[in-house]
Amino acid sequence: MSDMLKIWDECRDSIYKLCKIKLSSFPDTWEEVVSDVYSAFSDAVKKGTEISFPKAWIYKTANNIIAQKYKELSDRRNFFTDIDAFSDAKIIIPFTPDYTDRLYSDEEIERIADNILSECTEEEQLLLRLFYKEKKSYKEIALVLNKAENTVRQQNFRLTRRIKKRIFEEFDCT
């Protein structure tokens, strides 16, 4: 039992620091969590639970209790406890900018997509069609293109990255 108390004394400060980090928004709960962890640890020792790695057990228990406490405290349903607090709260309406000037018609999107795809070689277009439209595996595509599977995978990665870059350029996504 005294060995377990020594282990607890070694861990207590770091458990408190862990609470300070993970529950930084709720400083009034730090001591409560540390005492809950100690209670769980002492109960387990009293019951004779075999704890092979006590420090690991303490930290795991602390993380679980911290997670439970965080869920309880950050629960939105408990945000307002009485009607007076609710009526005093300021309601913030988020700013929603007008993006109507950036809207594209379906025809414009198809035209841009066709332009981007026309920049690809026939082999690249075949690769895209087999992978994305026909849902073929890299192995099957490699057999069709007569290339190594890793080569096909790398080509697809680079081609997809290049197409995404072109889409961002075309639609002014910054």
N, C-alpha and C. Protein backbone atom coordinates (compact mmCIF):
# COMPACT_ATOMS: atom_id res chain seq x y z
N MET A 1 0.83 -1.20 0.00
CA MET A 1 0.00 0.00 0.00
C MET A 1 0.86 1.26 0.00
N SER A 2 1.95 1.22 0.77
CA SER A 2 2.81 2.41 0.83
C SER A 2 3.50 2.64 -0.51
N ASP A 3 3.76 1.55 -1.25
CA ASP A 3 4.34 1.71 -2.59
C ASP A 3 3.37 2.44 -3.51
N MET A 4 2.10 2.12 -3.38
CA MET A 4 1.09 2.76 -4.21
C MET A 4 0.96 4.25 -3.85
N LEU A 5 1.11 4.57 -2.58
CA LEU A 5 1.06 5.98 -2.17
C LEU A 5 2.25 6.76 -2.72
N LYS A 6 3.41 6.11 -2.76
CA LYS A 6 4.59 6.76 -3.35
C LYS A 6 4.35 7.03 -4.83
N ILE A 7 3.78 6.05 -5.50
CA ILE A 7 3.49 6.21 -6.93
C ILE A 7 2.50 7.35 -7.13
N TRP A 8 1.47 7.41 -6.27
CA TRP A 8 0.50 8.50 -6.40
C TRP A 8 1.16 9.85 -6.18
N ASP A 9 2.03 9.94 -5.18
CA ASP A 9 2.72 11.21 -4.90
C ASP A 9 3.57 11.64 -6.10
N GLU A 10 4.17 10.67 -6.78
CA GLU A 10 4.96 10.98 -7.97
C GLU A 10 4.08 11.50 -9.11
N CYS A 11 2.88 10.96 -9.21
CA CYS A 11 2.00 11.28 -10.34
C CYS A 11 1.10 12.49 -10.11
N ARG A 12 0.85 12.84 -8.87
CA ARG A 12 -0.15 13.86 -8.57
C ARG A 12 0.10 15.18 -9.28
N ASP A 13 1.32 15.68 -9.23
CA ASP A 13 1.61 16.98 -9.85
C ASP A 13 1.42 16.93 -11.37
N SER A 14 1.84 15.84 -11.97
CA SER A 14 1.67 15.76 -13.43
C SER A 14 0.20 15.58 -13.81
N ILE A 15 -0.59 14.93 -12.97
CA ILE A 15 -2.03 14.83 -13.23
C ILE A 15 -2.66 16.22 -13.14
N TYR A 16 -2.22 17.00 -12.16
CA TYR A 16 -2.72 18.37 -12.01
C TYR A 16 -2.36 19.20 -13.25
N LYS A 17 -1.13 19.05 -13.74
CA LYS A 17 -0.70 19.78 -14.94
C LYS A 17 -1.52 19.34 -16.15
N LEU A 18 -1.80 18.04 -16.22
CA LEU A 18 -2.62 17.53 -17.31
C LEU A 18 -4.01 18.16 -17.28
N CYS A 19 -4.56 18.30 -16.08
CA CYS A 19 -5.87 18.97 -15.93
C CYS A 19 -5.78 20.42 -16.38
N LYS A 20 -4.70 21.09 -16.02
CA LYS A 20 -4.53 22.50 -16.40
C LYS A 20 -4.50 22.65 -17.92
N ILE A 21 -3.90 21.67 -18.59
CA ILE A 21 -3.81 21.74 -20.05
C ILE A 21 -5.15 21.40 -20.69
N LYS A 22 -5.72 20.26 -20.31
CA LYS A 22 -6.91 19.78 -20.99
C LYS A 22 -8.20 20.45 -20.54
N LEU A 23 -8.21 20.97 -19.33
CA LEU A 23 -9.40 21.65 -18.83
C LEU A 23 -9.08 23.12 -18.54
N SER A 24 -8.34 23.74 -19.41
CA SER A 24 -7.90 25.12 -19.17
C SER A 24 -9.07 26.08 -19.07
N SER A 25 -10.18 25.77 -19.70
CA SER A 25 -11.35 26.64 -19.64
C SER A 25 -12.13 26.51 -18.33
N PHE A 26 -11.82 25.47 -17.57
CA PHE A 26 -12.57 25.19 -16.33
C PHE A 26 -11.61 25.00 -15.15
N PRO A 27 -10.93 26.06 -14.71
CA PRO A 27 -9.91 25.91 -13.66
C PRO A 27 -10.48 25.47 -12.31
N ASP A 28 -11.74 25.71 -12.06
CA ASP A 28 -12.32 25.32 -10.78
C ASP A 28 -12.51 23.81 -10.65
N THR A 29 -12.31 23.07 -11.73
CA THR A 29 -12.52 21.62 -11.69
C THR A 29 -11.22 20.82 -11.54
N TRP A 30 -10.09 21.48 -11.60
CA TRP A 30 -8.81 20.76 -11.60
C TRP A 30 -8.63 19.91 -10.34
N GLU A 31 -8.82 20.51 -9.18
CA GLU A 31 -8.65 19.77 -7.92
C GLU A 31 -9.67 18.64 -7.81
N GLU A 32 -10.87 18.89 -8.28
CA GLU A 32 -11.91 17.86 -8.23
C GLU A 32 -11.52 16.64 -9.06
N VAL A 33 -10.96 16.90 -10.24
CA VAL A 33 -10.55 15.79 -11.11
C VAL A 33 -9.41 15.02 -10.46
N VAL A 34 -8.44 15.73 -9.89
CA VAL A 34 -7.31 15.06 -9.23
C VAL A 34 -7.82 14.19 -8.09
N SER A 35 -8.76 14.70 -7.31
CA SER A 35 -9.30 13.90 -6.21
C SER A 35 -10.11 12.71 -6.73
N ASP A 36 -10.81 12.87 -7.86
CA ASP A 36 -11.54 11.75 -8.46
C ASP A 36 -10.57 10.66 -8.91
N VAL A 37 -9.46 11.07 -9.49
CA VAL A 37 -8.46 10.09 -9.94
C VAL A 37 -7.88 9.36 -8.73
N TYR A 38 -7.59 10.11 -7.67
CA TYR A 38 -7.06 9.49 -6.45
C TYR A 38 -8.07 8.51 -5.87
N SER A 39 -9.34 8.90 -5.85
CA SER A 39 -10.38 8.02 -5.32
C SER A 39 -10.47 6.73 -6.13
N ALA A 40 -10.43 6.87 -7.44
CA ALA A 40 -10.50 5.68 -8.30
C ALA A 40 -9.29 4.78 -8.06
N PHE A 41 -8.12 5.40 -7.92
CA PHE A 41 -6.89 4.63 -7.70
C PHE A 41 -6.93 3.92 -6.35
N SER A 42 -7.31 4.64 -5.30
CA SER A 42 -7.34 4.02 -3.97
C SER A 42 -8.41 2.93 -3.89
N ASP A 43 -9.55 3.15 -4.55
CA ASP A 43 -10.60 2.11 -4.57
C ASP A 43 -10.10 0.85 -5.27
N ALA A 44 -9.39 1.03 -6.37
CA ALA A 44 -8.86 -0.12 -7.09
C ALA A 44 -7.84 -0.87 -6.25
N VAL A 45 -7.00 -0.14 -5.53
CA VAL A 45 -6.00 -0.78 -4.66
C VAL A 45 -6.68 -1.51 -3.51
N LYS A 46 -7.70 -0.89 -2.91
CA LYS A 46 -8.41 -1.51 -1.79
C LYS A 46 -9.15 -2.78 -2.23
N LYS A 47 -9.69 -2.76 -3.45
CA LYS A 47 -10.41 -3.93 -3.95
C LYS A 47 -9.45 -5.06 -4.31
N GLY A 48 -8.17 -4.75 -4.39
CA GLY A 48 -7.19 -5.77 -4.73
C GLY A 48 -7.04 -5.97 -6.23
N THR A 49 -7.47 -4.98 -7.00
CA THR A 49 -7.33 -5.05 -8.45
C THR A 49 -5.84 -5.12 -8.79
N GLU A 50 -5.51 -6.06 -9.64
CA GLU A 50 -4.10 -6.19 -10.04
C GLU A 50 -3.77 -5.11 -11.06
N ILE A 51 -2.86 -4.24 -10.68
CA ILE A 51 -2.44 -3.15 -11.55
C ILE A 51 -0.97 -3.37 -11.87
N SER A 52 -0.70 -3.82 -13.09
CA SER A 52 0.68 -4.14 -13.47
C SER A 52 1.53 -2.89 -13.62
N PHE A 53 0.96 -1.86 -14.23
CA PHE A 53 1.68 -0.62 -14.47
C PHE A 53 0.88 0.52 -13.84
N PRO A 54 1.13 0.81 -12.58
CA PRO A 54 0.30 1.78 -11.86
C PRO A 54 0.31 3.18 -12.45
N LYS A 55 1.47 3.66 -12.88
CA LYS A 55 1.52 5.02 -13.45
C LYS A 55 0.67 5.10 -14.71
N ALA A 56 0.80 4.10 -15.57
CA ALA A 56 0.01 4.08 -16.80
C ALA A 56 -1.48 4.01 -16.46
N TRP A 57 -1.82 3.21 -15.45
CA TRP A 57 -3.22 3.09 -15.03
C TRP A 57 -3.74 4.44 -14.54
N ILE A 58 -2.94 5.14 -13.75
CA ILE A 58 -3.35 6.44 -13.21
C ILE A 58 -3.56 7.43 -14.35
N TYR A 59 -2.63 7.49 -15.30
CA TYR A 59 -2.76 8.45 -16.40
C TYR A 59 -3.95 8.12 -17.30
N LYS A 60 -4.18 6.85 -17.54
CA LYS A 60 -5.32 6.44 -18.37
C LYS A 60 -6.63 6.82 -17.67
N THR A 61 -6.70 6.55 -16.38
CA THR A 61 -7.89 6.91 -15.61
C THR A 61 -8.08 8.42 -15.60
N ALA A 62 -6.99 9.15 -15.44
CA ALA A 62 -7.06 10.62 -15.44
C ALA A 62 -7.60 11.12 -16.77
N ASN A 63 -7.09 10.58 -17.86
CA ASN A 63 -7.57 11.01 -19.18
C ASN A 63 -9.05 10.71 -19.35
N ASN A 64 -9.49 9.55 -18.88
CA ASN A 64 -10.91 9.20 -18.99
C ASN A 64 -11.78 10.15 -18.16
N ILE A 65 -11.35 10.43 -16.95
CA ILE A 65 -12.13 11.33 -16.08
C ILE A 65 -12.14 12.74 -16.65
N ILE A 66 -11.00 13.18 -17.18
CA ILE A 66 -10.93 14.51 -17.80
C ILE A 66 -11.88 14.59 -18.99
N ALA A 67 -11.91 13.54 -19.80
CA ALA A 67 -12.81 13.53 -20.97
C ALA A 67 -14.27 13.59 -20.53
N GLN A 68 -14.62 12.81 -19.50
CA GLN A 68 -16.00 12.86 -18.99
C GLN A 68 -16.34 14.25 -18.46
N LYS A 69 -15.44 14.82 -17.70
CA LYS A 69 -15.68 16.14 -17.11
C LYS A 69 -15.82 17.19 -18.20
N TYR A 70 -14.99 17.10 -19.23
CA TYR A 70 -15.05 18.07 -20.32
C TYR A 70 -16.39 17.98 -21.04
N LYS A 71 -16.86 16.75 -21.28
CA LYS A 71 -18.16 16.57 -21.93
C LYS A 71 -19.28 17.17 -21.08
N GLU A 72 -19.22 16.94 -19.78
CA GLU A 72 -20.24 17.50 -18.89
C GLU A 72 -20.24 19.02 -18.92
N LEU A 73 -19.05 19.59 -18.85
CA LEU A 73 -18.95 21.04 -18.72
C LEU A 73 -19.19 21.78 -20.03
N SER A 74 -18.88 21.15 -21.13
CA SER A 74 -19.04 21.84 -22.40
C SER A 74 -20.35 21.50 -23.09
N ASP A 75 -21.21 20.79 -22.40
CA ASP A 75 -22.50 20.42 -22.96
C ASP A 75 -23.33 21.67 -23.20
N ARG A 76 -23.75 21.90 -24.42
CA ARG A 76 -24.48 23.12 -24.78
C ARG A 76 -25.85 23.21 -24.10
N ARG A 77 -26.43 22.08 -23.77
CA ARG A 77 -27.75 22.11 -23.14
C ARG A 77 -27.68 22.73 -21.75
N ASN A 78 -26.53 22.66 -21.12
CA ASN A 78 -26.38 23.24 -19.79
C ASN A 78 -25.77 24.63 -19.83
N PHE A 79 -25.75 25.24 -21.00
CA PHE A 79 -25.10 26.53 -21.16
C PHE A 79 -25.80 27.61 -20.33
N PHE A 80 -27.11 27.65 -20.39
CA PHE A 80 -27.88 28.62 -19.60
C PHE A 80 -28.63 27.86 -18.52
N THR A 81 -28.41 28.25 -17.29
CA THR A 81 -29.06 27.54 -16.19
C THR A 81 -30.38 28.18 -15.78
N ASP A 82 -30.55 29.45 -16.06
CA ASP A 82 -31.82 30.08 -15.73
C ASP A 82 -32.22 31.05 -16.83
N ILE A 83 -33.47 31.45 -16.81
CA ILE A 83 -34.02 32.29 -17.87
C ILE A 83 -33.41 33.69 -17.86
N ASP A 84 -32.99 34.18 -16.69
CA ASP A 84 -32.39 35.51 -16.62
C ASP A 84 -31.05 35.54 -17.36
N ALA A 85 -30.27 34.50 -17.18
CA ALA A 85 -28.99 34.44 -17.88
C ALA A 85 -29.21 34.37 -19.38
N PHE A 86 -30.26 33.66 -19.78
CA PHE A 86 -30.55 33.55 -21.20
C PHE A 86 -30.98 34.89 -21.79
N SER A 87 -31.80 35.63 -21.06
CA SER A 87 -32.28 36.91 -21.58
C SER A 87 -31.18 37.96 -21.62
N ASP A 88 -30.17 37.84 -20.76
CA ASP A 88 -29.07 38.79 -20.74
C ASP A 88 -28.02 38.49 -21.80
N ALA A 89 -28.06 37.30 -22.36
CA ALA A 89 -27.03 36.91 -23.33
C ALA A 89 -27.19 37.70 -24.63
N LYS A 90 -26.07 38.03 -25.21
CA LYS A 90 -26.10 38.74 -26.49
C LYS A 90 -26.07 37.71 -27.60
N ILE A 91 -26.95 37.87 -28.53
CA ILE A 91 -27.00 36.95 -29.65
C ILE A 91 -26.16 37.53 -30.77
N ILE A 92 -25.19 36.76 -31.21
CA ILE A 92 -24.28 37.21 -32.26
C ILE A 92 -24.70 36.56 -33.56
N ILE A 93 -24.99 37.37 -34.53
CA ILE A 93 -25.36 36.86 -35.85
C ILE A 93 -24.11 36.90 -36.71
N PRO A 94 -23.69 35.75 -37.21
CA PRO A 94 -22.45 35.73 -37.99
C PRO A 94 -22.60 36.47 -39.31
N PHE A 95 -21.52 37.04 -39.77
CA PHE A 95 -21.50 37.75 -41.04
C PHE A 95 -21.47 36.74 -42.17
N THR A 96 -22.40 36.85 -43.07
CA THR A 96 -22.42 35.97 -44.23
C THR A 96 -22.25 36.82 -45.48
N PRO A 97 -21.09 36.78 -46.08
CA PRO A 97 -20.85 37.62 -47.25
C PRO A 97 -21.67 37.16 -48.45
N ASP A 98 -21.87 38.05 -49.37
CA ASP A 98 -22.65 37.76 -50.57
C ASP A 98 -21.71 37.20 -51.64
N TYR A 99 -21.91 35.94 -51.99
CA TYR A 99 -21.06 35.29 -52.98
C TYR A 99 -21.75 35.15 -54.33
N THR A 100 -22.81 35.88 -54.55
CA THR A 100 -23.53 35.72 -55.81
C THR A 100 -22.68 36.10 -57.01
N ASP A 101 -21.70 36.98 -56.82
CA ASP A 101 -20.84 37.34 -57.94
C ASP A 101 -19.89 36.22 -58.31
N ARG A 102 -19.74 35.22 -57.43
CA ARG A 102 -18.83 34.11 -57.70
C ARG A 102 -19.57 32.85 -58.15
N LEU A 103 -20.87 32.94 -58.40
CA LEU A 103 -21.63 31.78 -58.82
C LEU A 103 -21.35 31.46 -60.28
N TYR A 104 -21.31 30.18 -60.59
CA TYR A 104 -21.08 29.73 -61.96
C TYR A 104 -22.27 28.89 -62.39
N SER A 105 -22.62 29.00 -63.64
CA SER A 105 -23.71 28.16 -64.15
C SER A 105 -23.17 26.77 -64.43
N ASP A 106 -24.07 25.81 -64.58
CA ASP A 106 -23.66 24.43 -64.86
C ASP A 106 -22.87 24.35 -66.17
N GLU A 107 -23.29 25.14 -67.16
CA GLU A 107 -22.60 25.12 -68.45
C GLU A 107 -21.17 25.63 -68.30
N GLU A 108 -21.00 26.69 -67.50
CA GLU A 108 -19.65 27.22 -67.29
C GLU A 108 -18.77 26.21 -66.57
N ILE A 109 -19.33 25.54 -65.58
CA ILE A 109 -18.56 24.53 -64.84
C ILE A 109 -18.16 23.39 -65.76
N GLU A 110 -19.09 22.93 -66.61
CA GLU A 110 -18.77 21.86 -67.55
C GLU A 110 -17.72 22.29 -68.55
N ARG A 111 -17.82 23.54 -69.04
CA ARG A 111 -16.83 24.06 -69.99
C ARG A 111 -15.44 24.11 -69.35
N ILE A 112 -15.38 24.58 -68.11
CA ILE A 112 -14.09 24.66 -67.41
C ILE A 112 -13.54 23.26 -67.17
N ALA A 113 -14.40 22.32 -66.76
CA ALA A 113 -13.95 20.94 -66.54
C ALA A 113 -13.44 20.32 -67.83
N ASP A 114 -14.15 20.56 -68.94
CA ASP A 114 -13.70 20.04 -70.23
C ASP A 114 -12.35 20.62 -70.61
N ASN A 115 -12.16 21.92 -70.37
CA ASN A 115 -10.87 22.56 -70.68
C ASN A 115 -9.74 21.95 -69.86
N ILE A 116 -10.00 21.73 -68.58
CA ILE A 116 -8.97 21.16 -67.71
C ILE A 116 -8.64 19.74 -68.14
N LEU A 117 -9.68 18.95 -68.45
CA LEU A 117 -9.44 17.56 -68.86
C LEU A 117 -8.80 17.47 -70.24
N SER A 118 -9.09 18.45 -71.12
CA SER A 118 -8.48 18.41 -72.45
C SER A 118 -6.98 18.68 -72.39
N GLU A 119 -6.51 19.29 -71.31
CA GLU A 119 -5.08 19.51 -71.13
C GLU A 119 -4.35 18.22 -70.78
N CYS A 120 -5.08 17.20 -70.37
CA CYS A 120 -4.47 15.91 -70.01
C CYS A 120 -4.24 15.09 -71.27
N THR A 121 -3.24 14.23 -71.22
CA THR A 121 -2.98 13.33 -72.35
C THR A 121 -4.06 12.24 -72.37
N GLU A 122 -4.09 11.48 -73.46
CA GLU A 122 -5.10 10.41 -73.56
C GLU A 122 -4.89 9.36 -72.48
N GLU A 123 -3.63 9.06 -72.19
CA GLU A 123 -3.34 8.07 -71.15
C GLU A 123 -3.81 8.56 -69.78
N GLU A 124 -3.61 9.85 -69.50
CA GLU A 124 -4.06 10.42 -68.24
C GLU A 124 -5.59 10.41 -68.15
N GLN A 125 -6.26 10.71 -69.26
CA GLN A 125 -7.72 10.68 -69.28
C GLN A 125 -8.22 9.26 -69.05
N LEU A 126 -7.54 8.29 -69.65
CA LEU A 126 -7.92 6.89 -69.45
C LEU A 126 -7.74 6.50 -67.98
N LEU A 127 -6.63 6.91 -67.40
CA LEU A 127 -6.37 6.64 -65.99
C LEU A 127 -7.48 7.22 -65.10
N LEU A 128 -7.85 8.46 -65.36
CA LEU A 128 -8.92 9.10 -64.58
C LEU A 128 -10.24 8.37 -64.75
N ARG A 129 -10.57 8.03 -65.99
CA ARG A 129 -11.84 7.35 -66.25
C ARG A 129 -11.88 5.99 -65.56
N LEU A 130 -10.79 5.22 -65.67
CA LEU A 130 -10.76 3.90 -65.06
C LEU A 130 -10.84 3.97 -63.53
N PHE A 131 -10.13 4.93 -62.95
CA PHE A 131 -10.07 4.99 -61.49
C PHE A 131 -11.32 5.62 -60.88
N TYR A 132 -11.74 6.76 -61.41
CA TYR A 132 -12.83 7.49 -60.77
C TYR A 132 -14.21 7.12 -61.29
N LYS A 133 -14.33 6.83 -62.57
CA LYS A 133 -15.65 6.54 -63.12
C LYS A 133 -15.97 5.05 -63.03
N GLU A 134 -15.02 4.22 -63.44
CA GLU A 134 -15.27 2.78 -63.44
C GLU A 134 -14.84 2.10 -62.14
N LYS A 135 -14.23 2.87 -61.24
CA LYS A 135 -13.84 2.38 -59.91
C LYS A 135 -12.94 1.15 -59.96
N LYS A 136 -12.01 1.16 -60.91
CA LYS A 136 -11.05 0.05 -61.02
C LYS A 136 -9.94 0.24 -59.99
N SER A 137 -9.34 -0.85 -59.59
CA SER A 137 -8.23 -0.78 -58.63
C SER A 137 -6.95 -0.42 -59.39
N TYR A 138 -5.94 -0.01 -58.62
CA TYR A 138 -4.66 0.33 -59.25
C TYR A 138 -4.07 -0.88 -59.97
N LYS A 139 -4.29 -2.04 -59.42
CA LYS A 139 -3.77 -3.27 -60.02
C LYS A 139 -4.38 -3.51 -61.40
N GLU A 140 -5.70 -3.33 -61.49
CA GLU A 140 -6.39 -3.53 -62.77
C GLU A 140 -5.97 -2.47 -63.78
N ILE A 141 -5.82 -1.24 -63.32
CA ILE A 141 -5.40 -0.16 -64.22
C ILE A 141 -3.98 -0.41 -64.71
N ALA A 142 -3.12 -0.91 -63.83
CA ALA A 142 -1.74 -1.20 -64.21
C ALA A 142 -1.69 -2.24 -65.32
N LEU A 143 -2.58 -3.22 -65.26
CA LEU A 143 -2.63 -4.24 -66.32
C LEU A 143 -3.08 -3.63 -67.64
N VAL A 144 -4.06 -2.74 -67.60
CA VAL A 144 -4.56 -2.10 -68.81
C VAL A 144 -3.49 -1.20 -69.43
N LEU A 145 -2.81 -0.42 -68.57
CA LEU A 145 -1.81 0.53 -69.07
C LEU A 145 -0.43 -0.11 -69.26
N ASN A 146 -0.29 -1.36 -68.84
CA ASN A 146 0.97 -2.08 -68.96
C ASN A 146 2.09 -1.35 -68.22
N LYS A 147 1.79 -0.98 -66.98
CA LYS A 147 2.76 -0.29 -66.12
C LYS A 147 2.73 -0.93 -64.74
N ALA A 148 3.72 -0.58 -63.94
CA ALA A 148 3.76 -1.07 -62.57
C ALA A 148 2.66 -0.40 -61.74
N GLU A 149 2.17 -1.13 -60.76
CA GLU A 149 1.08 -0.61 -59.93
C GLU A 149 1.49 0.67 -59.20
N ASN A 150 2.71 0.70 -58.67
CA ASN A 150 3.18 1.90 -57.96
C ASN A 150 3.30 3.09 -58.90
N THR A 151 3.68 2.84 -60.14
CA THR A 151 3.77 3.92 -61.12
C THR A 151 2.39 4.51 -61.39
N VAL A 152 1.40 3.64 -61.53
CA VAL A 152 0.03 4.09 -61.76
C VAL A 152 -0.48 4.89 -60.56
N ARG A 153 -0.20 4.40 -59.37
CA ARG A 153 -0.63 5.09 -58.15
C ARG A 153 0.00 6.49 -58.09
N GLN A 154 1.29 6.58 -58.39
CA GLN A 154 1.98 7.87 -58.34
C GLN A 154 1.47 8.81 -59.44
N GLN A 155 1.23 8.27 -60.63
CA GLN A 155 0.69 9.09 -61.72
C GLN A 155 -0.68 9.65 -61.34
N ASN A 156 -1.51 8.81 -60.74
CA ASN A 156 -2.84 9.26 -60.34
C ASN A 156 -2.74 10.35 -59.27
N PHE A 157 -1.84 10.17 -58.32
CA PHE A 157 -1.65 11.17 -57.27
C PHE A 157 -1.22 12.51 -57.88
N ARG A 158 -0.23 12.48 -58.74
CA ARG A 158 0.28 13.71 -59.35
C ARG A 158 -0.76 14.36 -60.25
N LEU A 159 -1.47 13.54 -61.00
CA LEU A 159 -2.50 14.06 -61.91
C LEU A 159 -3.64 14.71 -61.12
N THR A 160 -4.07 14.06 -60.06
CA THR A 160 -5.13 14.61 -59.22
C THR A 160 -4.69 15.94 -58.60
N ARG A 161 -3.46 15.98 -58.12
CA ARG A 161 -2.94 17.22 -57.54
C ARG A 161 -2.89 18.33 -58.58
N ARG A 162 -2.47 18.00 -59.80
CA ARG A 162 -2.39 19.00 -60.87
C ARG A 162 -3.78 19.51 -61.24
N ILE A 163 -4.76 18.61 -61.30
CA ILE A 163 -6.13 19.01 -61.65
C ILE A 163 -6.72 19.89 -60.54
N LYS A 164 -6.48 19.52 -59.28
CA LYS A 164 -6.97 20.35 -58.17
C LYS A 164 -6.37 21.75 -58.24
N LYS A 165 -5.10 21.82 -58.56
CA LYS A 165 -4.44 23.12 -58.67
C LYS A 165 -5.08 23.95 -59.78
N ARG A 166 -5.37 23.32 -60.91
CA ARG A 166 -6.01 24.03 -62.02
C ARG A 166 -7.42 24.49 -61.65
N ILE A 167 -8.14 23.66 -60.91
CA ILE A 167 -9.49 24.04 -60.48
C ILE A 167 -9.42 25.27 -59.58
N PHE A 168 -8.48 25.26 -58.64
CA PHE A 168 -8.33 26.41 -57.75
C PHE A 168 -7.96 27.66 -58.53
N GLU A 169 -7.11 27.52 -59.54
CA GLU A 169 -6.74 28.67 -60.36
C GLU A 169 -7.95 29.17 -61.15
N GLU A 170 -8.68 28.24 -61.72
CA GLU A 170 -9.80 28.59 -62.60
C GLU A 170 -10.93 29.28 -61.83
N PHE A 171 -11.21 28.80 -60.63
CA PHE A 171 -12.33 29.34 -59.85
C PHE A 171 -11.89 30.39 -58.84
N ASP A 172 -10.67 30.82 -58.90
CA ASP A 172 -10.15 31.88 -58.02
C ASP A 172 -10.33 31.54 -56.55
N CYS A 173 -10.03 30.32 -56.18
CA CYS A 173 -10.13 29.90 -54.78
C CYS A 173 -8.82 30.24 -54.09
N THR A 174 -8.84 31.25 -53.29
CA THR A 174 -7.60 31.64 -52.60
C THR A 174 -7.73 31.50 -51.12
